[in-house]
Amino acid sequence: MNISASPLPTVTVQEANERPPGTPLVDVREDDEWNDGHAPDAVSVPMSRISIDDIPEGRPVYCICRSGNRSGKVAEALIGAGVDAVNVEGGMIAWADAGLPVTR
């Protein structure tokens, strides 16, 4: 059993929207969810097909999904693989609720 003593790094949707230039926002939802609406500069990499090879090296990665559950699991796995990853708290539900831009 792998138990981590540190909590999963998270950011708010506002922090994700204002992340440093060049910092990827990886949307791990499936294609139909992506097509329903996503953050304008997000990159679609569905959780069911994600590979460490899909993740840019040398920079933090922000992970987002619908509510923050799946992206949290992806962020944990990426951290376990040595990637500097954070989870976007509340996902696209919180993003839209905050009035942030959504591309459809």
PDB file of N, CA and C in Angstrom:
ATOM      1  N   MET A   1       0.843  -1.175   0.000  1.00  0.00           N
ATOM      2  CA  MET A   1       0.000   0.000   0.000  1.00  0.00           C
ATOM      3  C   MET A   1       0.889   1.238   0.000  1.00  0.00           C
ATOM      4  N   ASN A   2       0.587   2.193  -0.882  1.00  0.00           N
ATOM      5  CA  ASN A   2       1.348   3.424  -0.987  1.00  0.00           C
ATOM      6  C   ASN A   2       0.571   4.546  -0.313  1.00  0.00           C
ATOM      7  N   ILE A   3       1.051   4.991   0.838  1.00  0.00           N
ATOM      8  CA  ILE A   3       0.370   6.050   1.571  1.00  0.00           C
ATOM      9  C   ILE A   3       1.246   7.292   1.549  1.00  0.00           C
ATOM     10  N   SER A   4       0.683   8.389   1.103  1.00  0.00           N
ATOM     11  CA  SER A   4       1.413   9.646   1.035  1.00  0.00           C
ATOM     12  C   SER A   4       1.106  10.475   2.270  1.00  0.00           C
ATOM     13  N   ALA A   5       2.153  11.042   2.870  1.00  0.00           N
ATOM     14  CA  ALA A   5       1.968  11.875   4.051  1.00  0.00           C
ATOM     15  C   ALA A   5       1.559  13.293   3.662  1.00  0.00           C
ATOM     16  N   SER A   6       1.783  13.668   2.414  1.00  0.00           N
ATOM     17  CA  SER A   6       1.457  15.034   2.013  1.00  0.00           C
ATOM     18  C   SER A   6       0.167  15.052   1.197  1.00  0.00           C
ATOM     19  N   PRO A   7      -0.630  16.094   1.395  1.00  0.00           N
ATOM     20  CA  PRO A   7      -1.879  16.193   0.637  1.00  0.00           C
ATOM     21  C   PRO A   7      -1.603  16.505  -0.836  1.00  0.00           C
ATOM     22  N   LEU A   8      -2.563  16.196  -1.648  1.00  0.00           N
ATOM     23  CA  LEU A   8      -2.464  16.476  -3.074  1.00  0.00           C
ATOM     24  C   LEU A   8      -2.413  17.981  -3.299  1.00  0.00           C
ATOM     25  N   PRO A   9      -1.430  18.479  -4.035  1.00  0.00           N
ATOM     26  CA  PRO A   9      -1.395  19.910  -4.332  1.00  0.00           C
ATOM     27  C   PRO A   9      -2.615  20.305  -5.172  1.00  0.00           C
ATOM     28  N   THR A  10      -3.296  21.357  -4.753  1.00  0.00           N
ATOM     29  CA  THR A  10      -4.463  21.836  -5.484  1.00  0.00           C
ATOM     30  C   THR A  10      -4.364  23.338  -5.695  1.00  0.00           C
ATOM     31  N   VAL A  11      -5.087  23.800  -6.713  1.00  0.00           N
ATOM     32  CA  VAL A  11      -5.232  25.225  -6.986  1.00  0.00           C
ATOM     33  C   VAL A  11      -6.703  25.502  -7.243  1.00  0.00           C
ATOM     34  N   THR A  12      -7.102  26.743  -7.060  1.00  0.00           N
ATOM     35  CA  THR A  12      -8.469  27.139  -7.379  1.00  0.00           C
ATOM     36  C   THR A  12      -8.587  27.329  -8.888  1.00  0.00           C
ATOM     37  N   VAL A  13      -9.818  27.438  -9.360  1.00  0.00           N
ATOM     38  CA  VAL A  13     -10.010  27.688 -10.794  1.00  0.00           C
ATOM     39  C   VAL A  13      -9.444  29.047 -11.175  1.00  0.00           C
ATOM     40  N   GLN A  14      -9.525  30.027 -10.273  1.00  0.00           N
ATOM     41  CA  GLN A  14      -8.961  31.343 -10.558  1.00  0.00           C
ATOM     42  C   GLN A  14      -7.444  31.252 -10.715  1.00  0.00           C
ATOM     43  N   GLU A  15      -6.793  30.474  -9.824  1.00  0.00           N
ATOM     44  CA  GLU A  15      -5.343  30.286  -9.926  1.00  0.00           C
ATOM     45  C   GLU A  15      -4.984  29.543 -11.216  1.00  0.00           C
ATOM     46  N   ALA A  16      -5.796  28.570 -11.591  1.00  0.00           N
ATOM     47  CA  ALA A  16      -5.549  27.832 -12.833  1.00  0.00           C
ATOM     48  C   ALA A  16      -5.690  28.751 -14.045  1.00  0.00           C
ATOM     49  N   ASN A  17      -6.674  29.615 -14.008  1.00  0.00           N
ATOM     50  CA  ASN A  17      -6.893  30.545 -15.116  1.00  0.00           C
ATOM     51  C   ASN A  17      -5.751  31.557 -15.235  1.00  0.00           C
ATOM     52  N   GLU A  18      -5.098  31.860 -14.114  1.00  0.00           N
ATOM     53  CA  GLU A  18      -4.008  32.842 -14.098  1.00  0.00           C
ATOM     54  C   GLU A  18      -2.631  32.179 -13.994  1.00  0.00           C
ATOM     55  N   ARG A  19      -2.530  30.897 -14.337  1.00  0.00           N
ATOM     56  CA  ARG A  19      -1.259  30.184 -14.216  1.00  0.00           C
ATOM     57  C   ARG A  19      -0.209  30.815 -15.133  1.00  0.00           C
ATOM     58  N   PRO A  20       1.057  30.594 -14.840  1.00  0.00           N
ATOM     59  CA  PRO A  20       2.125  31.185 -15.651  1.00  0.00           C
ATOM     60  C   PRO A  20       2.026  30.776 -17.127  1.00  0.00           C
ATOM     61  N   PRO A  21       2.399  31.674 -18.029  1.00  0.00           N
ATOM     62  CA  PRO A  21       2.382  31.342 -19.467  1.00  0.00           C
ATOM     63  C   PRO A  21       3.196  30.074 -19.744  1.00  0.00           C
ATOM     64  N   GLY A  22       2.672  29.249 -20.620  1.00  0.00           N
ATOM     65  CA  GLY A  22       3.345  28.008 -20.996  1.00  0.00           C
ATOM     66  C   GLY A  22       3.067  26.841 -20.071  1.00  0.00           C
ATOM     67  N   THR A  23       2.305  27.083 -19.003  1.00  0.00           N
ATOM     68  CA  THR A  23       1.962  26.008 -18.078  1.00  0.00           C
ATOM     69  C   THR A  23       0.718  25.303 -18.594  1.00  0.00           C
ATOM     70  N   PRO A  24       0.824  24.014 -18.937  1.00  0.00           N
ATOM     71  CA  PRO A  24      -0.319  23.324 -19.534  1.00  0.00           C
ATOM     72  C   PRO A  24      -1.462  23.060 -18.552  1.00  0.00           C
ATOM     73  N   LEU A  25      -2.670  23.196 -19.089  1.00  0.00           N
ATOM     74  CA  LEU A  25      -3.897  22.807 -18.387  1.00  0.00           C
ATOM     75  C   LEU A  25      -4.405  21.571 -19.107  1.00  0.00           C
ATOM     76  N   VAL A  26      -4.263  20.416 -18.483  1.00  0.00           N
ATOM     77  CA  VAL A  26      -4.615  19.137 -19.105  1.00  0.00           C
ATOM     78  C   VAL A  26      -6.000  18.727 -18.634  1.00  0.00           C
ATOM     79  N   ASP A  27      -6.935  18.662 -19.577  1.00  0.00           N
ATOM     80  CA  ASP A  27      -8.318  18.267 -19.299  1.00  0.00           C
ATOM     81  C   ASP A  27      -8.410  16.769 -19.521  1.00  0.00           C
ATOM     82  N   VAL A  28      -8.680  16.023 -18.448  1.00  0.00           N
ATOM     83  CA  VAL A  28      -8.652  14.558 -18.512  1.00  0.00           C
ATOM     84  C   VAL A  28     -10.025  13.936 -18.748  1.00  0.00           C
ATOM     85  N   ARG A  29     -11.030  14.766 -19.059  1.00  0.00           N
ATOM     86  CA  ARG A  29     -12.366  14.228 -19.336  1.00  0.00           C
ATOM     87  C   ARG A  29     -12.394  13.557 -20.703  1.00  0.00           C
ATOM     88  N   GLU A  30     -13.420  12.768 -20.925  1.00  0.00           N
ATOM     89  CA  GLU A  30     -13.579  12.068 -22.200  1.00  0.00           C
ATOM     90  C   GLU A  30     -14.042  13.049 -23.288  1.00  0.00           C
ATOM     91  N   ASP A  31     -13.957  12.611 -24.538  1.00  0.00           N
ATOM     92  CA  ASP A  31     -14.227  13.490 -25.681  1.00  0.00           C
ATOM     93  C   ASP A  31     -15.603  14.147 -25.639  1.00  0.00           C
ATOM     94  N   ASP A  32     -16.643  13.402 -25.257  1.00  0.00           N
ATOM     95  CA  ASP A  32     -17.978  13.994 -25.237  1.00  0.00           C
ATOM     96  C   ASP A  32     -18.071  15.110 -24.199  1.00  0.00           C
ATOM     97  N   GLU A  33     -17.414  14.940 -23.057  1.00  0.00           N
ATOM     98  CA  GLU A  33     -17.409  15.979 -22.032  1.00  0.00           C
ATOM     99  C   GLU A  33     -16.620  17.202 -22.512  1.00  0.00           C
ATOM    100  N   TRP A  34     -15.496  16.954 -23.148  1.00  0.00           N
ATOM    101  CA  TRP A  34     -14.664  18.025 -23.720  1.00  0.00           C
ATOM    102  C   TRP A  34     -15.487  18.846 -24.705  1.00  0.00           C
ATOM    103  N   ASN A  35     -16.228  18.159 -25.575  1.00  0.00           N
ATOM    104  CA  ASN A  35     -17.023  18.843 -26.590  1.00  0.00           C
ATOM    105  C   ASN A  35     -18.161  19.662 -25.996  1.00  0.00           C
ATOM    106  N   ASP A  36     -18.609  19.296 -24.783  1.00  0.00           N
ATOM    107  CA  ASP A  36     -19.666  20.049 -24.110  1.00  0.00           C
ATOM    108  C   ASP A  36     -19.168  21.396 -23.601  1.00  0.00           C
ATOM    109  N   GLY A  37     -17.854  21.553 -23.448  1.00  0.00           N
ATOM    110  CA  GLY A  37     -17.282  22.816 -23.011  1.00  0.00           C
ATOM    111  C   GLY A  37     -16.014  22.613 -22.212  1.00  0.00           C
ATOM    112  N   HIS A  38     -14.997  23.429 -22.512  1.00  0.00           N
ATOM    113  CA  HIS A  38     -13.702  23.305 -21.853  1.00  0.00           C
ATOM    114  C   HIS A  38     -13.051  24.680 -21.725  1.00  0.00           C
ATOM    115  N   ALA A  39     -12.037  24.764 -20.905  1.00  0.00           N
ATOM    116  CA  ALA A  39     -11.270  26.000 -20.782  1.00  0.00           C
ATOM    117  C   ALA A  39     -10.607  26.289 -22.132  1.00  0.00           C
ATOM    118  N   PRO A  40     -10.599  27.547 -22.566  1.00  0.00           N
ATOM    119  CA  PRO A  40     -10.120  27.878 -23.911  1.00  0.00           C
ATOM    120  C   PRO A  40      -8.718  27.389 -24.254  1.00  0.00           C
ATOM    121  N   ASP A  41      -7.793  27.385 -23.305  1.00  0.00           N
ATOM    122  CA  ASP A  41      -6.425  26.987 -23.628  1.00  0.00           C
ATOM    123  C   ASP A  41      -6.049  25.618 -23.068  1.00  0.00           C
ATOM    124  N   ALA A  42      -7.041  24.834 -22.683  1.00  0.00           N
ATOM    125  CA  ALA A  42      -6.787  23.489 -22.172  1.00  0.00           C
ATOM    126  C   ALA A  42      -6.410  22.551 -23.313  1.00  0.00           C
ATOM    127  N   VAL A  43      -5.752  21.464 -22.940  1.00  0.00           N
ATOM    128  CA  VAL A  43      -5.389  20.399 -23.877  1.00  0.00           C
ATOM    129  C   VAL A  43      -6.145  19.154 -23.450  1.00  0.00           C
ATOM    130  N   SER A  44      -6.810  18.511 -24.394  1.00  0.00           N
ATOM    131  CA  SER A  44      -7.579  17.304 -24.087  1.00  0.00           C
ATOM    132  C   SER A  44      -6.673  16.075 -24.108  1.00  0.00           C
ATOM    133  N   VAL A  45      -6.580  15.421 -22.944  1.00  0.00           N
ATOM    134  CA  VAL A  45      -5.869  14.152 -22.823  1.00  0.00           C
ATOM    135  C   VAL A  45      -6.730  13.275 -21.907  1.00  0.00           C
ATOM    136  N   PRO A  46      -7.719  12.560 -22.472  1.00  0.00           N
ATOM    137  CA  PRO A  46      -8.637  11.776 -21.647  1.00  0.00           C
ATOM    138  C   PRO A  46      -7.930  10.796 -20.708  1.00  0.00           C
ATOM    139  N   MET A  47      -8.455  10.709 -19.499  1.00  0.00           N
ATOM    140  CA  MET A  47      -7.888   9.818 -18.488  1.00  0.00           C
ATOM    141  C   MET A  47      -7.775   8.385 -19.004  1.00  0.00           C
ATOM    142  N   SER A  48      -8.744   7.954 -19.795  1.00  0.00           N
ATOM    143  CA  SER A  48      -8.736   6.570 -20.296  1.00  0.00           C
ATOM    144  C   SER A  48      -7.600   6.308 -21.281  1.00  0.00           C
ATOM    145  N   ARG A  49      -6.983   7.365 -21.796  1.00  0.00           N
ATOM    146  CA  ARG A  49      -5.913   7.189 -22.785  1.00  0.00           C
ATOM    147  C   ARG A  49      -4.616   7.893 -22.414  1.00  0.00           C
ATOM    148  N   ILE A  50      -4.538   8.430 -21.205  1.00  0.00           N
ATOM    149  CA  ILE A  50      -3.368   9.226 -20.842  1.00  0.00           C
ATOM    150  C   ILE A  50      -2.118   8.369 -20.713  1.00  0.00           C
ATOM    151  N   SER A  51      -1.004   8.944 -21.098  1.00  0.00           N
ATOM    152  CA  SER A  51       0.302   8.310 -20.997  1.00  0.00           C
ATOM    153  C   SER A  51       1.276   9.375 -20.514  1.00  0.00           C
ATOM    154  N   ILE A  52       2.273   8.976 -19.789  1.00  0.00           N
ATOM    155  CA  ILE A  52       3.285   9.934 -19.330  1.00  0.00           C
ATOM    156  C   ILE A  52       3.925  10.650 -20.514  1.00  0.00           C
ATOM    157  N   ASP A  53       3.926   9.996 -21.684  1.00  0.00           N
ATOM    158  CA  ASP A  53       4.491  10.620 -22.887  1.00  0.00           C
ATOM    159  C   ASP A  53       3.666  11.816 -23.359  1.00  0.00           C
ATOM    160  N   ASP A  54       2.400  11.923 -22.909  1.00  0.00           N
ATOM    161  CA  ASP A  54       1.532  13.044 -23.278  1.00  0.00           C
ATOM    162  C   ASP A  54       1.821  14.299 -22.458  1.00  0.00           C
ATOM    163  N   ILE A  55       2.626  14.175 -21.420  1.00  0.00           N
ATOM    164  CA  ILE A  55       2.825  15.250 -20.469  1.00  0.00           C
ATOM    165  C   ILE A  55       4.131  15.975 -20.758  1.00  0.00           C
ATOM    166  N   PRO A  56       4.074  17.300 -20.947  1.00  0.00           N
ATOM    167  CA  PRO A  56       5.302  18.056 -21.197  1.00  0.00           C
ATOM    168  C   PRO A  56       6.246  17.975 -19.997  1.00  0.00           C
ATOM    169  N   GLU A  57       7.529  17.900 -20.285  1.00  0.00           N
ATOM    170  CA  GLU A  57       8.527  17.803 -19.224  1.00  0.00           C
ATOM    171  C   GLU A  57       9.009  19.190 -18.803  1.00  0.00           C
ATOM    172  N   GLY A  58       9.485  19.263 -17.577  1.00  0.00           N
ATOM    173  CA  GLY A  58      10.161  20.447 -17.122  1.00  0.00           C
ATOM    174  C   GLY A  58       9.296  21.622 -16.712  1.00  0.00           C
ATOM    175  N   ARG A  59       8.014  21.406 -16.562  1.00  0.00           N
ATOM    176  CA  ARG A  59       7.145  22.486 -16.101  1.00  0.00           C
ATOM    177  C   ARG A  59       5.979  21.893 -15.329  1.00  0.00           C
ATOM    178  N   PRO A  60       5.356  22.695 -14.478  1.00  0.00           N
ATOM    179  CA  PRO A  60       4.187  22.192 -13.755  1.00  0.00           C
ATOM    180  C   PRO A  60       3.050  21.864 -14.715  1.00  0.00           C
ATOM    181  N   VAL A  61       2.207  20.942 -14.320  1.00  0.00           N
ATOM    182  CA  VAL A  61       1.047  20.551 -15.112  1.00  0.00           C
ATOM    183  C   VAL A  61      -0.187  20.717 -14.231  1.00  0.00           C
ATOM    184  N   TYR A  62      -1.164  21.451 -14.737  1.00  0.00           N
ATOM    185  CA  TYR A  62      -2.436  21.625 -14.045  1.00  0.00           C
ATOM    186  C   TYR A  62      -3.417  20.627 -14.640  1.00  0.00           C
ATOM    187  N   CYS A  63      -4.068  19.822 -13.796  1.00  0.00           N
ATOM    188  CA  CYS A  63      -5.007  18.798 -14.250  1.00  0.00           C
ATOM    189  C   CYS A  63      -6.425  19.211 -13.866  1.00  0.00           C
ATOM    190  N   ILE A  64      -7.358  19.058 -14.827  1.00  0.00           N
ATOM    191  CA  ILE A  64      -8.751  19.434 -14.593  1.00  0.00           C
ATOM    192  C   ILE A  64      -9.672  18.374 -15.188  1.00  0.00           C
ATOM    193  N   CYS A  65     -10.826  18.193 -14.564  1.00  0.00           N
ATOM    194  CA  CYS A  65     -11.872  17.313 -15.087  1.00  0.00           C
ATOM    195  C   CYS A  65     -13.208  17.982 -14.825  1.00  0.00           C
ATOM    196  N   ARG A  66     -14.253  17.230 -14.643  1.00  0.00           N
ATOM    197  CA  ARG A  66     -15.576  17.813 -14.392  1.00  0.00           C
ATOM    198  C   ARG A  66     -15.666  18.406 -12.987  1.00  0.00           C
ATOM    199  N   SER A  67     -15.250  17.617 -11.977  1.00  0.00           N
ATOM    200  CA  SER A  67     -15.428  18.048 -10.592  1.00  0.00           C
ATOM    201  C   SER A  67     -14.143  18.071  -9.769  1.00  0.00           C
ATOM    202  N   GLY A  68     -13.072  17.529 -10.293  1.00  0.00           N
ATOM    203  CA  GLY A  68     -11.807  17.468  -9.563  1.00  0.00           C
ATOM    204  C   GLY A  68     -11.435  16.082  -9.092  1.00  0.00           C
ATOM    205  N   ASN A  69     -12.329  15.107  -9.247  1.00  0.00           N
ATOM    206  CA  ASN A  69     -12.055  13.751  -8.787  1.00  0.00           C
ATOM    207  C   ASN A  69     -11.066  13.025  -9.707  1.00  0.00           C
ATOM    208  N   ARG A  70     -11.413  12.897 -10.969  1.00  0.00           N
ATOM    209  CA  ARG A  70     -10.523  12.188 -11.907  1.00  0.00           C
ATOM    210  C   ARG A  70      -9.193  12.910 -12.063  1.00  0.00           C
ATOM    211  N   SER A  71      -9.251  14.238 -12.163  1.00  0.00           N
ATOM    212  CA  SER A  71      -8.004  14.981 -12.328  1.00  0.00           C
ATOM    213  C   SER A  71      -7.120  14.839 -11.090  1.00  0.00           C
ATOM    214  N   GLY A  72      -7.723  14.679  -9.925  1.00  0.00           N
ATOM    215  CA  GLY A  72      -6.942  14.427  -8.724  1.00  0.00           C
ATOM    216  C   GLY A  72      -6.204  13.103  -8.804  1.00  0.00           C
ATOM    217  N   LYS A  73      -6.873  12.093  -9.326  1.00  0.00           N
ATOM    218  CA  LYS A  73      -6.235  10.783  -9.488  1.00  0.00           C
ATOM    219  C   LYS A  73      -5.104  10.862 -10.508  1.00  0.00           C
ATOM    220  N   VAL A  74      -5.331  11.599 -11.595  1.00  0.00           N
ATOM    221  CA  VAL A  74      -4.283  11.761 -12.603  1.00  0.00           C
ATOM    222  C   VAL A  74      -3.105  12.534 -12.009  1.00  0.00           C
ATOM    223  N   ALA A  75      -3.389  13.614 -11.288  1.00  0.00           N
ATOM    224  CA  ALA A  75      -2.316  14.397 -10.662  1.00  0.00           C
ATOM    225  C   ALA A  75      -1.504  13.528  -9.701  1.00  0.00           C
ATOM    226  N   GLU A  76      -2.177  12.707  -8.907  1.00  0.00           N
ATOM    227  CA  GLU A  76      -1.469  11.802  -7.988  1.00  0.00           C
ATOM    228  C   GLU A  76      -0.554  10.849  -8.746  1.00  0.00           C
ATOM    229  N   ALA A  77      -1.062  10.289  -9.840  1.00  0.00           N
ATOM    230  CA  ALA A  77      -0.259   9.360 -10.635  1.00  0.00           C
ATOM    231  C   ALA A  77       0.937  10.075 -11.266  1.00  0.00           C
ATOM    232  N   LEU A  78       0.714  11.284 -11.750  1.00  0.00           N
ATOM    233  CA  LEU A  78       1.816  12.045 -12.348  1.00  0.00           C
ATOM    234  C   LEU A  78       2.874  12.390 -11.311  1.00  0.00           C
ATOM    235  N   ILE A  79       2.424  12.790 -10.127  1.00  0.00           N
ATOM    236  CA  ILE A  79       3.362  13.091  -9.045  1.00  0.00           C
ATOM    237  C   ILE A  79       4.182  11.840  -8.719  1.00  0.00           C
ATOM    238  N   GLY A  80       3.513  10.697  -8.695  1.00  0.00           N
ATOM    239  CA  GLY A  80       4.202   9.432  -8.446  1.00  0.00           C
ATOM    240  C   GLY A  80       5.246   9.114  -9.507  1.00  0.00           C
ATOM    241  N   ALA A  81       5.051   9.661 -10.704  1.00  0.00           N
ATOM    242  CA  ALA A  81       5.998   9.453 -11.810  1.00  0.00           C
ATOM    243  C   ALA A  81       7.038  10.572 -11.875  1.00  0.00           C
ATOM    244  N   GLY A  82       7.010  11.468 -10.872  1.00  0.00           N
ATOM    245  CA  GLY A  82       8.018  12.522 -10.827  1.00  0.00           C
ATOM    246  C   GLY A  82       7.650  13.820 -11.514  1.00  0.00           C
ATOM    247  N   VAL A  83       6.378  13.961 -11.909  1.00  0.00           N
ATOM    248  CA  VAL A  83       5.923  15.176 -12.589  1.00  0.00           C
ATOM    249  C   VAL A  83       5.406  16.167 -11.545  1.00  0.00           C
ATOM    250  N   ASP A  84       5.694  17.437 -11.736  1.00  0.00           N
ATOM    251  CA  ASP A  84       5.173  18.501 -10.884  1.00  0.00           C
ATOM    252  C   ASP A  84       3.743  18.780 -11.335  1.00  0.00           C
ATOM    253  N   ALA A  85       2.770  18.163 -10.670  1.00  0.00           N
ATOM    254  CA  ALA A  85       1.362  18.259 -11.075  1.00  0.00           C
ATOM    255  C   ALA A  85       0.515  18.782  -9.930  1.00  0.00           C
ATOM    256  N   VAL A  86      -0.562  19.499 -10.299  1.00  0.00           N
ATOM    257  CA  VAL A  86      -1.534  19.982  -9.325  1.00  0.00           C
ATOM    258  C   VAL A  86      -2.931  19.693  -9.853  1.00  0.00           C
ATOM    259  N   ASN A  87      -3.866  19.585  -8.941  1.00  0.00           N
ATOM    260  CA  ASN A  87      -5.260  19.357  -9.293  1.00  0.00           C
ATOM    261  C   ASN A  87      -6.023  20.672  -9.210  1.00  0.00           C
ATOM    262  N   VAL A  88      -6.890  20.921 -10.200  1.00  0.00           N
ATOM    263  CA  VAL A  88      -7.743  22.108 -10.176  1.00  0.00           C
ATOM    264  C   VAL A  88      -8.999  21.756  -9.390  1.00  0.00           C
ATOM    265  N   GLU A  89      -9.118  22.368  -8.223  1.00  0.00           N
ATOM    266  CA  GLU A  89     -10.207  22.087  -7.289  1.00  0.00           C
ATOM    267  C   GLU A  89     -11.561  22.470  -7.884  1.00  0.00           C
ATOM    268  N   GLY A  90     -12.491  21.516  -7.872  1.00  0.00           N
ATOM    269  CA  GLY A  90     -13.841  21.785  -8.353  1.00  0.00           C
ATOM    270  C   GLY A  90     -14.031  21.589  -9.843  1.00  0.00           C
ATOM    271  N   GLY A  91     -12.946  21.442 -10.590  1.00  0.00           N
ATOM    272  CA  GLY A  91     -13.013  21.148 -12.013  1.00  0.00           C
ATOM    273  C   GLY A  91     -13.786  22.164 -12.843  1.00  0.00           C
ATOM    274  N   MET A  92     -14.312  21.683 -13.970  1.00  0.00           N
ATOM    275  CA  MET A  92     -15.032  22.551 -14.899  1.00  0.00           C
ATOM    276  C   MET A  92     -16.353  23.046 -14.325  1.00  0.00           C
ATOM    277  N   ILE A  93     -16.914  22.342 -13.351  1.00  0.00           N
ATOM    278  CA  ILE A  93     -18.127  22.845 -12.697  1.00  0.00           C
ATOM    279  C   ILE A  93     -17.799  24.157 -12.000  1.00  0.00           C
ATOM    280  N   ALA A  94     -16.725  24.160 -11.199  1.00  0.00           N
ATOM    281  CA  ALA A  94     -16.313  25.380 -10.496  1.00  0.00           C
ATOM    282  C   ALA A  94     -15.853  26.449 -11.481  1.00  0.00           C
ATOM    283  N   TRP A  95     -15.186  26.033 -12.564  1.00  0.00           N
ATOM    284  CA  TRP A  95     -14.710  26.969 -13.595  1.00  0.00           C
ATOM    285  C   TRP A  95     -15.898  27.750 -14.167  1.00  0.00           C
ATOM    286  N   ALA A  96     -16.921  27.032 -14.595  1.00  0.00           N
ATOM    287  CA  ALA A  96     -18.104  27.682 -15.173  1.00  0.00           C
ATOM    288  C   ALA A  96     -18.846  28.503 -14.119  1.00  0.00           C
ATOM    289  N   ASP A  97     -18.977  27.971 -12.909  1.00  0.00           N
ATOM    290  CA  ASP A  97     -19.644  28.699 -11.828  1.00  0.00           C
ATOM    291  C   ASP A  97     -18.942  30.012 -11.497  1.00  0.00           C
ATOM    292  N   ALA A  98     -17.623  30.054 -11.699  1.00  0.00           N
ATOM    293  CA  ALA A  98     -16.853  31.263 -11.433  1.00  0.00           C
ATOM    294  C   ALA A  98     -16.961  32.286 -12.569  1.00  0.00           C
ATOM    295  N   GLY A  99     -17.659  31.898 -13.641  1.00  0.00           N
ATOM    296  CA  GLY A  99     -17.826  32.804 -14.774  1.00  0.00           C
ATOM    297  C   GLY A  99     -16.608  32.889 -15.672  1.00  0.00           C
ATOM    298  N   LEU A 100     -15.707  31.913 -15.559  1.00  0.00           N
ATOM    299  CA  LEU A 100     -14.526  31.893 -16.416  1.00  0.00           C
ATOM    300  C   LEU A 100     -14.908  31.431 -17.817  1.00  0.00           C
ATOM    301  N   PRO A 101     -14.136  31.808 -18.825  1.00  0.00           N
ATOM    302  CA  PRO A 101     -14.508  31.484 -20.199  1.00  0.00           C
ATOM    303  C   PRO A 101     -14.549  29.976 -20.479  1.00  0.00           C
ATOM    304  N   VAL A 102     -15.538  29.578 -21.268  1.00  0.00           N
ATOM    305  CA  VAL A 102     -15.709  28.175 -21.671  1.00  0.00           C
ATOM    306  C   VAL A 102     -15.857  28.149 -23.188  1.00  0.00           C
ATOM    307  N   THR A 103     -15.076  27.298 -23.834  1.00  0.00           N
ATOM    308  CA  THR A 103     -15.149  27.117 -25.281  1.00  0.00           C
ATOM    309  C   THR A 103     -15.987  25.884 -25.579  1.00  0.00           C
ATOM    310  N   ARG A 104     -16.909  26.025 -26.534  1.00  0.00           N
ATOM    311  CA  ARG A 104     -17.735  24.889 -26.933  1.00  0.00           C
ATOM    312  C   ARG A 104     -17.543  24.616 -28.406  1.00  0.00           C
TER     313      ARG A 104
END
